[in-house]
């Protein structure tokens, strides 16, 4: 449960989410406890996990505290979703606090707003909430040849692992709904129009950057005969795959991208 109440005091048995750059400190039993960190650590409230308060702190570097430092991607591949989500929140909150210290309008130092993960300028009153970057993913299908299973469109991104087959994805623009973003990104990246865009679910995501929220959709191609044409910038390849012959190089099991692929592949034929 996210929270930002600074009224309490960290207790020795509370969870400690310690960040250095893009990594988090872990121990033999997961995340350390407050008692394992120096007494003068500057703690930031993150909320609670199963009723246990969680606090975050940022260190200058991994050498500031010995231990095992791991990326969010590595943690998310092993931890249950609530712990992975908490780790992502710690990264988002602490990175935001480090990068939003000064007012962008008058350059005064910002002050924390009680009970919120937000800041306000004491001089000009500018309100600076912690913001999320919303992105969409779309699992696009079309009917296969007569007597064959439906087909799923998978793509390879120019800036991702070269061997990975993934879904069309992109960030939501200002003034745009999630559904409109899904249609626009598909049109821009593979030149297809969509029919029957349906919301699937969402996932907080800390690989693309702190504070990213992924929203997944399923959709059908408006023209079943249309072939994808990659934009050549964000994508390098796009192909239709029969649902019973998907490639092995799919997104990780902990990702909403993989959940979408598995959901579509498990649907009854027709």
C-alpha atoms as a PDB file:
ATOM      1  CA  UNK A   1       0.000   0.000   0.000  1.00  0.00           C
ATOM      2  CA  UNK A   2       1.728   3.232  -1.112  1.00  0.00           C
ATOM      3  CA  UNK A   3       2.056   5.919   1.519  1.00  0.00           C
ATOM      4  CA  UNK A   4       3.902   9.149   2.251  1.00  0.00           C
ATOM      5  CA  UNK A   5       3.148   9.804   5.923  1.00  0.00           C
ATOM      6  CA  UNK A   6       6.219  11.297   7.598  1.00  0.00           C
ATOM      7  CA  UNK A   7       4.612  11.418  11.034  1.00  0.00           C
ATOM      8  CA  UNK A   8       5.932   8.006  12.041  1.00  0.00           C
ATOM      9  CA  UNK A   9       9.462   6.978  12.983  1.00  0.00           C
ATOM     10  CA  UNK A  10      11.261   4.056  11.308  1.00  0.00           C
ATOM     11  CA  UNK A  11      11.382   1.046  13.609  1.00  0.00           C
ATOM     12  CA  UNK A  12      14.218  -1.519  13.660  1.00  0.00           C
ATOM     13  CA  UNK A  13      12.075  -4.254  12.076  1.00  0.00           C
ATOM     14  CA  UNK A  14      10.650  -2.092   9.279  1.00  0.00           C
ATOM     15  CA  UNK A  15      11.585  -2.871   5.674  1.00  0.00           C
ATOM     16  CA  UNK A  16      14.511  -0.896   4.226  1.00  0.00           C
ATOM     17  CA  UNK A  17      14.630  -0.223   0.474  1.00  0.00           C
ATOM     18  CA  UNK A  18      18.097   1.206  -0.146  1.00  0.00           C
ATOM     19  CA  UNK A  19      18.924   2.578  -3.587  1.00  0.00           C
ATOM     20  CA  UNK A  20      22.230   3.476  -5.215  1.00  0.00           C
ATOM     21  CA  UNK A  21      21.787   4.680  -8.773  1.00  0.00           C
ATOM     22  CA  UNK A  22      19.605   2.068 -10.500  1.00  0.00           C
ATOM     23  CA  UNK A  23      20.251  -0.776  -8.041  1.00  0.00           C
ATOM     24  CA  UNK A  24      18.776  -1.896  -4.731  1.00  0.00           C
ATOM     25  CA  UNK A  25      20.469  -3.458  -1.718  1.00  0.00           C
ATOM     26  CA  UNK A  26      19.432  -7.008  -0.873  1.00  0.00           C
ATOM     27  CA  UNK A  27      20.472  -9.535   1.734  1.00  0.00           C
ATOM     28  CA  UNK A  28      20.181 -13.258   2.357  1.00  0.00           C
ATOM     29  CA  UNK A  29      16.477 -12.915   3.216  1.00  0.00           C
ATOM     30  CA  UNK A  30      15.438 -10.283   0.712  1.00  0.00           C
ATOM     31  CA  UNK A  31      15.401  -6.612   1.605  1.00  0.00           C
ATOM     32  CA  UNK A  32      17.218  -5.556   4.777  1.00  0.00           C
ATOM     33  CA  UNK A  33      15.586  -4.061   7.859  1.00  0.00           C
ATOM     34  CA  UNK A  34      16.023  -0.536   9.183  1.00  0.00           C
ATOM     35  CA  UNK A  35      18.214  -1.805  12.030  1.00  0.00           C
ATOM     36  CA  UNK A  36      20.817  -3.023   9.507  1.00  0.00           C
ATOM     37  CA  UNK A  37      21.500   0.508   8.213  1.00  0.00           C
ATOM     38  CA  UNK A  38      23.364   3.357   9.946  1.00  0.00           C
ATOM     39  CA  UNK A  39      21.355   5.236  12.578  1.00  0.00           C
ATOM     40  CA  UNK A  40      21.719   8.541  10.705  1.00  0.00           C
ATOM     41  CA  UNK A  41      20.180   7.221   7.458  1.00  0.00           C
ATOM     42  CA  UNK A  42      17.731   9.716   5.941  1.00  0.00           C
ATOM     43  CA  UNK A  43      14.547   7.679   5.505  1.00  0.00           C
ATOM     44  CA  UNK A  44      11.663   8.421   3.150  1.00  0.00           C
ATOM     45  CA  UNK A  45       8.254   6.746   3.754  1.00  0.00           C
ATOM     46  CA  UNK A  46       7.176   4.404   0.952  1.00  0.00           C
ATOM     47  CA  UNK A  47       4.056   2.811   2.473  1.00  0.00           C
ATOM     48  CA  UNK A  48       3.422  -0.665   3.875  1.00  0.00           C
ATOM     49  CA  UNK A  49       3.756  -4.272   2.718  1.00  0.00           C
ATOM     50  CA  UNK A  50       1.372  -6.656   4.501  1.00  0.00           C
ATOM     51  CA  UNK A  51       1.088  -4.058   7.251  1.00  0.00           C
ATOM     52  CA  UNK A  52       4.860  -3.676   7.729  1.00  0.00           C
ATOM     53  CA  UNK A  53       6.093  -0.102   7.127  1.00  0.00           C
ATOM     54  CA  UNK A  54       8.611   0.301   4.304  1.00  0.00           C
ATOM     55  CA  UNK A  55      11.187   3.080   4.128  1.00  0.00           C
ATOM     56  CA  UNK A  56      13.496   4.143   1.349  1.00  0.00           C
ATOM     57  CA  UNK A  57      16.940   5.732   1.387  1.00  0.00           C
ATOM     58  CA  UNK A  58      19.422   6.697  -1.302  1.00  0.00           C
ATOM     59  CA  UNK A  59      23.161   6.203  -0.909  1.00  0.00           C
ATOM     60  CA  UNK A  60      25.846   7.931  -2.930  1.00  0.00           C
ATOM     61  CA  UNK A  61      27.141   4.641  -4.338  1.00  0.00           C
ATOM     62  CA  UNK A  62      27.231   0.899  -3.802  1.00  0.00           C
ATOM     63  CA  UNK A  63      30.500   1.221  -1.924  1.00  0.00           C
ATOM     64  CA  UNK A  64      28.693   3.250   0.774  1.00  0.00           C
ATOM     65  CA  UNK A  65      27.252   0.030   2.193  1.00  0.00           C
ATOM     66  CA  UNK A  66      28.517  -3.509   1.634  1.00  0.00           C
ATOM     67  CA  UNK A  67      26.030  -6.031   0.359  1.00  0.00           C
ATOM     68  CA  UNK A  68      24.463  -7.425  -2.748  1.00  0.00           C
ATOM     69  CA  UNK A  69      23.264  -4.698  -5.105  1.00  0.00           C
ATOM     70  CA  UNK A  70      20.836  -5.809  -7.804  1.00  0.00           C
ATOM     71  CA  UNK A  71      18.892  -4.251 -10.647  1.00  0.00           C
ATOM     72  CA  UNK A  72      15.104  -4.112 -10.635  1.00  0.00           C
ATOM     73  CA  UNK A  73      15.024  -6.457 -13.625  1.00  0.00           C
ATOM     74  CA  UNK A  74      16.958  -9.118 -11.699  1.00  0.00           C
ATOM     75  CA  UNK A  75      14.740  -8.712  -8.628  1.00  0.00           C
ATOM     76  CA  UNK A  76      11.481  -8.781 -10.574  1.00  0.00           C
ATOM     77  CA  UNK A  77      12.482 -12.065 -12.199  1.00  0.00           C
ATOM     78  CA  UNK A  78      12.675 -13.741  -8.767  1.00  0.00           C
ATOM     79  CA  UNK A  79      10.416 -11.881  -6.327  1.00  0.00           C
ATOM     80  CA  UNK A  80       6.635 -12.044  -5.924  1.00  0.00           C
ATOM     81  CA  UNK A  81       4.857  -9.125  -7.594  1.00  0.00           C
ATOM     82  CA  UNK A  82       4.185  -7.143  -4.361  1.00  0.00           C
ATOM     83  CA  UNK A  83       7.906  -7.090  -3.498  1.00  0.00           C
ATOM     84  CA  UNK A  84       8.903  -6.237  -7.074  1.00  0.00           C
ATOM     85  CA  UNK A  85       6.332  -3.422  -7.111  1.00  0.00           C
ATOM     86  CA  UNK A  86       7.681  -2.082  -3.804  1.00  0.00           C
ATOM     87  CA  UNK A  87      11.221  -2.131  -5.190  1.00  0.00           C
ATOM     88  CA  UNK A  88      10.039  -0.227  -8.260  1.00  0.00           C
ATOM     89  CA  UNK A  89       8.294   2.314  -6.050  1.00  0.00           C
ATOM     90  CA  UNK A  90      11.484   2.859  -4.067  1.00  0.00           C
ATOM     91  CA  UNK A  91      13.415   3.533  -7.261  1.00  0.00           C
ATOM     92  CA  UNK A  92      10.724   5.894  -8.537  1.00  0.00           C
ATOM     93  CA  UNK A  93      10.323   7.875  -5.312  1.00  0.00           C
ATOM     94  CA  UNK A  94      14.010   8.264  -4.535  1.00  0.00           C
ATOM     95  CA  UNK A  95      14.999   9.100  -8.098  1.00  0.00           C
ATOM     96  CA  UNK A  96      12.218  11.693  -8.290  1.00  0.00           C
ATOM     97  CA  UNK A  97      13.326  13.298  -5.025  1.00  0.00           C
ATOM     98  CA  UNK A  98      16.925  13.511  -6.214  1.00  0.00           C
ATOM     99  CA  UNK A  99      16.006  15.043  -9.576  1.00  0.00           C
ATOM    100  CA  UNK A 100      13.309  17.459  -8.325  1.00  0.00           C
ATOM    101  CA  UNK A 101      15.041  19.520  -5.636  1.00  0.00           C
ATOM    102  CA  UNK A 102      14.730  22.943  -7.257  1.00  0.00           C
ATOM    103  CA  UNK A 103      11.820  24.989  -8.568  1.00  0.00           C
ATOM    104  CA  UNK A 104      11.753  25.062 -12.365  1.00  0.00           C
ATOM    105  CA  UNK A 105      10.074  28.492 -12.346  1.00  0.00           C
ATOM    106  CA  UNK A 106      12.085  30.558  -9.845  1.00  0.00           C
ATOM    107  CA  UNK A 107      14.935  28.188  -8.863  1.00  0.00           C
ATOM    108  CA  UNK A 108      14.183  28.187  -5.117  1.00  0.00           C
ATOM    109  CA  UNK A 109      14.616  24.943  -3.177  1.00  0.00           C
ATOM    110  CA  UNK A 110      11.400  22.914  -3.090  1.00  0.00           C
ATOM    111  CA  UNK A 111       9.776  21.826   0.175  1.00  0.00           C
ATOM    112  CA  UNK A 112       8.000  18.524   0.860  1.00  0.00           C
ATOM    113  CA  UNK A 113       4.198  18.597   1.037  1.00  0.00           C
ATOM    114  CA  UNK A 114       3.061  16.752   4.200  1.00  0.00           C
ATOM    115  CA  UNK A 115       1.390  13.413   3.541  1.00  0.00           C
ATOM    116  CA  UNK A 116       2.216  13.394  -0.185  1.00  0.00           C
ATOM    117  CA  UNK A 117       5.033  12.423  -2.528  1.00  0.00           C
ATOM    118  CA  UNK A 118       5.089  15.946  -3.882  1.00  0.00           C
ATOM    119  CA  UNK A 119       6.866  19.231  -3.362  1.00  0.00           C
ATOM    120  CA  UNK A 120       5.934  22.892  -3.418  1.00  0.00           C
ATOM    121  CA  UNK A 121       8.003  26.006  -3.978  1.00  0.00           C
ATOM    122  CA  UNK A 122       7.986  28.216  -0.844  1.00  0.00           C
ATOM    123  CA  UNK A 123       8.619  31.327  -2.965  1.00  0.00           C
ATOM    124  CA  UNK A 124       6.307  31.122  -6.003  1.00  0.00           C
ATOM    125  CA  UNK A 125       3.955  28.327  -4.906  1.00  0.00           C
ATOM    126  CA  UNK A 126       4.680  25.956  -7.807  1.00  0.00           C
ATOM    127  CA  UNK A 127       3.263  22.515  -7.012  1.00  0.00           C
ATOM    128  CA  UNK A 128       5.399  19.569  -8.185  1.00  0.00           C
ATOM    129  CA  UNK A 129       3.754  16.150  -7.768  1.00  0.00           C
ATOM    130  CA  UNK A 130       5.632  12.945  -8.474  1.00  0.00           C
ATOM    131  CA  UNK A 131       4.548  11.991 -11.970  1.00  0.00           C
ATOM    132  CA  UNK A 132       4.178   8.696 -13.798  1.00  0.00           C
ATOM    133  CA  UNK A 133       5.013   8.077 -17.443  1.00  0.00           C
ATOM    134  CA  UNK A 134       2.234   5.999 -18.997  1.00  0.00           C
ATOM    135  CA  UNK A 135       3.013   3.613 -21.844  1.00  0.00           C
ATOM    136  CA  UNK A 136       0.882   1.144 -23.800  1.00  0.00           C
ATOM    137  CA  UNK A 137       1.511  -2.352 -25.151  1.00  0.00           C
ATOM    138  CA  UNK A 138      -0.714  -3.958 -27.765  1.00  0.00           C
ATOM    139  CA  UNK A 139      -1.159  -7.650 -28.562  1.00  0.00           C
ATOM    140  CA  UNK A 140      -2.515  -7.570 -32.141  1.00  0.00           C
ATOM    141  CA  UNK A 141      -4.101 -10.650 -33.686  1.00  0.00           C
ATOM    142  CA  UNK A 142      -5.674 -11.523 -37.008  1.00  0.00           C
ATOM    143  CA  UNK A 143      -7.486 -14.644 -38.282  1.00  0.00           C
ATOM    144  CA  UNK A 144      -5.125 -17.269 -39.674  1.00  0.00           C
ATOM    145  CA  UNK A 145      -5.655 -19.109 -42.961  1.00  0.00           C
ATOM    146  CA  UNK A 146      -8.743 -21.302 -43.128  1.00  0.00           C
ATOM    147  CA  UNK A 147      -8.413 -24.155 -40.653  1.00  0.00           C
ATOM    148  CA  UNK A 148      -5.351 -22.588 -38.988  1.00  0.00           C
ATOM    149  CA  UNK A 149      -5.031 -20.781 -35.648  1.00  0.00           C
ATOM    150  CA  UNK A 150      -5.114 -17.017 -35.329  1.00  0.00           C
ATOM    151  CA  UNK A 151      -1.850 -15.126 -35.705  1.00  0.00           C
ATOM    152  CA  UNK A 152      -0.114 -12.704 -33.328  1.00  0.00           C
ATOM    153  CA  UNK A 153       2.042  -9.790 -34.439  1.00  0.00           C
ATOM    154  CA  UNK A 154       5.461  -9.695 -32.772  1.00  0.00           C
ATOM    155  CA  UNK A 155       8.210  -7.153 -33.324  1.00  0.00           C
ATOM    156  CA  UNK A 156      11.886  -6.612 -32.646  1.00  0.00           C
ATOM    157  CA  UNK A 157      12.887  -3.236 -31.232  1.00  0.00           C
ATOM    158  CA  UNK A 158      15.959  -1.373 -32.403  1.00  0.00           C
ATOM    159  CA  UNK A 159      17.098  -0.502 -28.877  1.00  0.00           C
ATOM    160  CA  UNK A 160      16.275  -3.772 -27.097  1.00  0.00           C
ATOM    161  CA  UNK A 161      17.754  -7.267 -27.062  1.00  0.00           C
ATOM    162  CA  UNK A 162      18.261  -8.137 -30.727  1.00  0.00           C
ATOM    163  CA  UNK A 163      16.832 -11.645 -30.380  1.00  0.00           C
ATOM    164  CA  UNK A 164      13.686 -10.753 -28.402  1.00  0.00           C
ATOM    165  CA  UNK A 165      10.251 -10.837 -30.026  1.00  0.00           C
ATOM    166  CA  UNK A 166       7.957  -8.380 -28.233  1.00  0.00           C
ATOM    167  CA  UNK A 167       4.769  -6.331 -28.656  1.00  0.00           C
ATOM    168  CA  UNK A 168       4.250  -2.929 -30.195  1.00  0.00           C
ATOM    169  CA  UNK A 169       4.628  -0.386 -27.384  1.00  0.00           C
ATOM    170  CA  UNK A 170       5.062   3.319 -26.798  1.00  0.00           C
ATOM    171  CA  UNK A 171       4.494   6.251 -24.462  1.00  0.00           C
ATOM    172  CA  UNK A 172       1.201   8.100 -24.142  1.00  0.00           C
ATOM    173  CA  UNK A 173       1.245  11.710 -25.343  1.00  0.00           C
ATOM    174  CA  UNK A 174      -0.375  14.669 -23.546  1.00  0.00           C
ATOM    175  CA  UNK A 175      -4.049  15.012 -24.394  1.00  0.00           C
ATOM    176  CA  UNK A 176      -4.284  11.389 -25.526  1.00  0.00           C
ATOM    177  CA  UNK A 177      -6.305   8.500 -24.097  1.00  0.00           C
ATOM    178  CA  UNK A 178      -4.701   5.111 -23.555  1.00  0.00           C
ATOM    179  CA  UNK A 179      -6.756   3.619 -26.393  1.00  0.00           C
ATOM    180  CA  UNK A 180      -5.833   6.441 -28.741  1.00  0.00           C
ATOM    181  CA  UNK A 181      -2.164   5.953 -27.878  1.00  0.00           C
ATOM    182  CA  UNK A 182      -2.458   2.241 -28.696  1.00  0.00           C
ATOM    183  CA  UNK A 183      -3.918   2.989 -32.118  1.00  0.00           C
ATOM    184  CA  UNK A 184      -1.371   5.730 -32.847  1.00  0.00           C
ATOM    185  CA  UNK A 185       1.671   3.688 -31.832  1.00  0.00           C
ATOM    186  CA  UNK A 186       0.547   0.732 -33.963  1.00  0.00           C
ATOM    187  CA  UNK A 187      -0.058   3.017 -36.926  1.00  0.00           C
ATOM    188  CA  UNK A 188       3.316   4.732 -36.541  1.00  0.00           C
ATOM    189  CA  UNK A 189       5.416   1.640 -35.900  1.00  0.00           C
ATOM    190  CA  UNK A 190       3.888  -1.028 -38.159  1.00  0.00           C
ATOM    191  CA  UNK A 191       1.402   0.847 -40.373  1.00  0.00           C
ATOM    192  CA  UNK A 192      -1.676  -1.108 -39.252  1.00  0.00           C
ATOM    193  CA  UNK A 193      -5.129   0.082 -38.179  1.00  0.00           C
ATOM    194  CA  UNK A 194      -6.927  -1.632 -35.317  1.00  0.00           C
ATOM    195  CA  UNK A 195     -10.378  -2.939 -34.554  1.00  0.00           C
ATOM    196  CA  UNK A 196     -11.768  -4.033 -31.166  1.00  0.00           C
ATOM    197  CA  UNK A 197      -9.158  -2.501 -28.846  1.00  0.00           C
ATOM    198  CA  UNK A 198      -9.744  -3.950 -25.353  1.00  0.00           C
ATOM    199  CA  UNK A 199      -8.036  -3.130 -22.051  1.00  0.00           C
ATOM    200  CA  UNK A 200      -6.176  -6.066 -20.474  1.00  0.00           C
ATOM    201  CA  UNK A 201      -4.409  -4.759 -17.373  1.00  0.00           C
ATOM    202  CA  UNK A 202      -1.488  -2.701 -16.098  1.00  0.00           C
ATOM    203  CA  UNK A 203       1.868  -3.098 -14.384  1.00  0.00           C
ATOM    204  CA  UNK A 204       4.275  -0.666 -12.714  1.00  0.00           C
ATOM    205  CA  UNK A 205       7.571  -0.983 -14.552  1.00  0.00           C
ATOM    206  CA  UNK A 206      11.044   0.095 -13.471  1.00  0.00           C
ATOM    207  CA  UNK A 207      13.170  -1.159 -16.386  1.00  0.00           C
ATOM    208  CA  UNK A 208      12.335   1.654 -18.829  1.00  0.00           C
ATOM    209  CA  UNK A 209      12.914   4.226 -16.106  1.00  0.00           C
ATOM    210  CA  UNK A 210      11.537   5.029 -12.643  1.00  0.00           C
ATOM    211  CA  UNK A 211       7.853   5.893 -12.533  1.00  0.00           C
ATOM    212  CA  UNK A 212       6.657   4.053 -15.656  1.00  0.00           C
ATOM    213  CA  UNK A 213       3.179   2.490 -15.759  1.00  0.00           C
ATOM    214  CA  UNK A 214       2.446  -0.004 -18.544  1.00  0.00           C
ATOM    215  CA  UNK A 215      -1.124  -0.466 -19.778  1.00  0.00           C
ATOM    216  CA  UNK A 216      -1.775  -3.556 -21.888  1.00  0.00           C
ATOM    217  CA  UNK A 217      -4.376  -3.983 -24.629  1.00  0.00           C
ATOM    218  CA  UNK A 218      -5.532  -6.688 -26.979  1.00  0.00           C
ATOM    219  CA  UNK A 219      -6.684  -5.750 -30.475  1.00  0.00           C
ATOM    220  CA  UNK A 220      -7.503  -7.213 -33.860  1.00  0.00           C
ATOM    221  CA  UNK A 221      -6.179  -5.914 -37.145  1.00  0.00           C
ATOM    222  CA  UNK A 222      -8.878  -4.019 -39.054  1.00  0.00           C
ATOM    223  CA  UNK A 223      -7.624  -5.512 -42.321  1.00  0.00           C
ATOM    224  CA  UNK A 224      -6.724  -9.207 -41.877  1.00  0.00           C
ATOM    225  CA  UNK A 225      -4.746  -9.154 -45.127  1.00  0.00           C
ATOM    226  CA  UNK A 226      -2.561  -6.201 -44.159  1.00  0.00           C
ATOM    227  CA  UNK A 227       1.135  -6.826 -43.573  1.00  0.00           C
ATOM    228  CA  UNK A 228       3.213  -4.804 -41.100  1.00  0.00           C
ATOM    229  CA  UNK A 229       5.681  -2.219 -42.364  1.00  0.00           C
ATOM    230  CA  UNK A 230       8.263  -1.285 -39.732  1.00  0.00           C
ATOM    231  CA  UNK A 231       9.163   2.351 -39.241  1.00  0.00           C
ATOM    232  CA  UNK A 232      12.912   1.614 -39.429  1.00  0.00           C
ATOM    233  CA  UNK A 233      13.632   3.732 -36.355  1.00  0.00           C
ATOM    234  CA  UNK A 234      12.078   2.065 -33.321  1.00  0.00           C
ATOM    235  CA  UNK A 235      11.496  -1.327 -34.935  1.00  0.00           C
ATOM    236  CA  UNK A 236      13.724  -3.453 -37.129  1.00  0.00           C
ATOM    237  CA  UNK A 237      11.381  -6.387 -37.799  1.00  0.00           C
ATOM    238  CA  UNK A 238       7.707  -7.375 -37.523  1.00  0.00           C
ATOM    239  CA  UNK A 239       6.074 -10.731 -38.258  1.00  0.00           C
ATOM    240  CA  UNK A 240       2.789 -12.586 -37.846  1.00  0.00           C
ATOM    241  CA  UNK A 241       3.182 -15.822 -35.867  1.00  0.00           C
ATOM    242  CA  UNK A 242       0.560 -18.593 -35.580  1.00  0.00           C
ATOM    243  CA  UNK A 243      -0.565 -18.849 -31.954  1.00  0.00           C
ATOM    244  CA  UNK A 244       0.499 -22.486 -31.880  1.00  0.00           C
ATOM    245  CA  UNK A 245       3.991 -21.688 -33.204  1.00  0.00           C
ATOM    246  CA  UNK A 246       5.208 -18.678 -31.230  1.00  0.00           C
ATOM    247  CA  UNK A 247       8.973 -18.131 -31.011  1.00  0.00           C
ATOM    248  CA  UNK A 248      10.904 -19.083 -27.894  1.00  0.00           C
ATOM    249  CA  UNK A 249      12.474 -15.612 -27.612  1.00  0.00           C
ATOM    250  CA  UNK A 250       9.546 -13.963 -25.805  1.00  0.00           C
ATOM    251  CA  UNK A 251       9.487 -11.349 -23.008  1.00  0.00           C
ATOM    252  CA  UNK A 252      10.234 -12.408 -19.440  1.00  0.00           C
ATOM    253  CA  UNK A 253       7.558 -14.228 -17.467  1.00  0.00           C
ATOM    254  CA  UNK A 254       7.237 -11.394 -14.912  1.00  0.00           C
ATOM    255  CA  UNK A 255       6.308  -8.792 -17.563  1.00  0.00           C
ATOM    256  CA  UNK A 256       2.847  -7.695 -18.662  1.00  0.00           C
ATOM    257  CA  UNK A 257       4.097  -8.121 -22.217  1.00  0.00           C
ATOM    258  CA  UNK A 258       4.452 -11.855 -21.601  1.00  0.00           C
ATOM    259  CA  UNK A 259       1.134 -11.981 -19.738  1.00  0.00           C
ATOM    260  CA  UNK A 260      -0.538 -10.526 -22.826  1.00  0.00           C
ATOM    261  CA  UNK A 261       1.152 -13.027 -25.147  1.00  0.00           C
ATOM    262  CA  UNK A 262       0.182 -15.962 -22.917  1.00  0.00           C
ATOM    263  CA  UNK A 263      -3.380 -14.654 -22.572  1.00  0.00           C
ATOM    264  CA  UNK A 264      -3.860 -14.391 -26.320  1.00  0.00           C
ATOM    265  CA  UNK A 265      -2.235 -17.768 -26.974  1.00  0.00           C
ATOM    266  CA  UNK A 266      -4.570 -19.446 -24.461  1.00  0.00           C
ATOM    267  CA  UNK A 267      -7.789 -18.111 -26.007  1.00  0.00           C
ATOM    268  CA  UNK A 268     -10.089 -20.646 -27.621  1.00  0.00           C
ATOM    269  CA  UNK A 269      -9.787 -20.825 -31.416  1.00  0.00           C
ATOM    270  CA  UNK A 270     -12.177 -18.579 -33.296  1.00  0.00           C
END
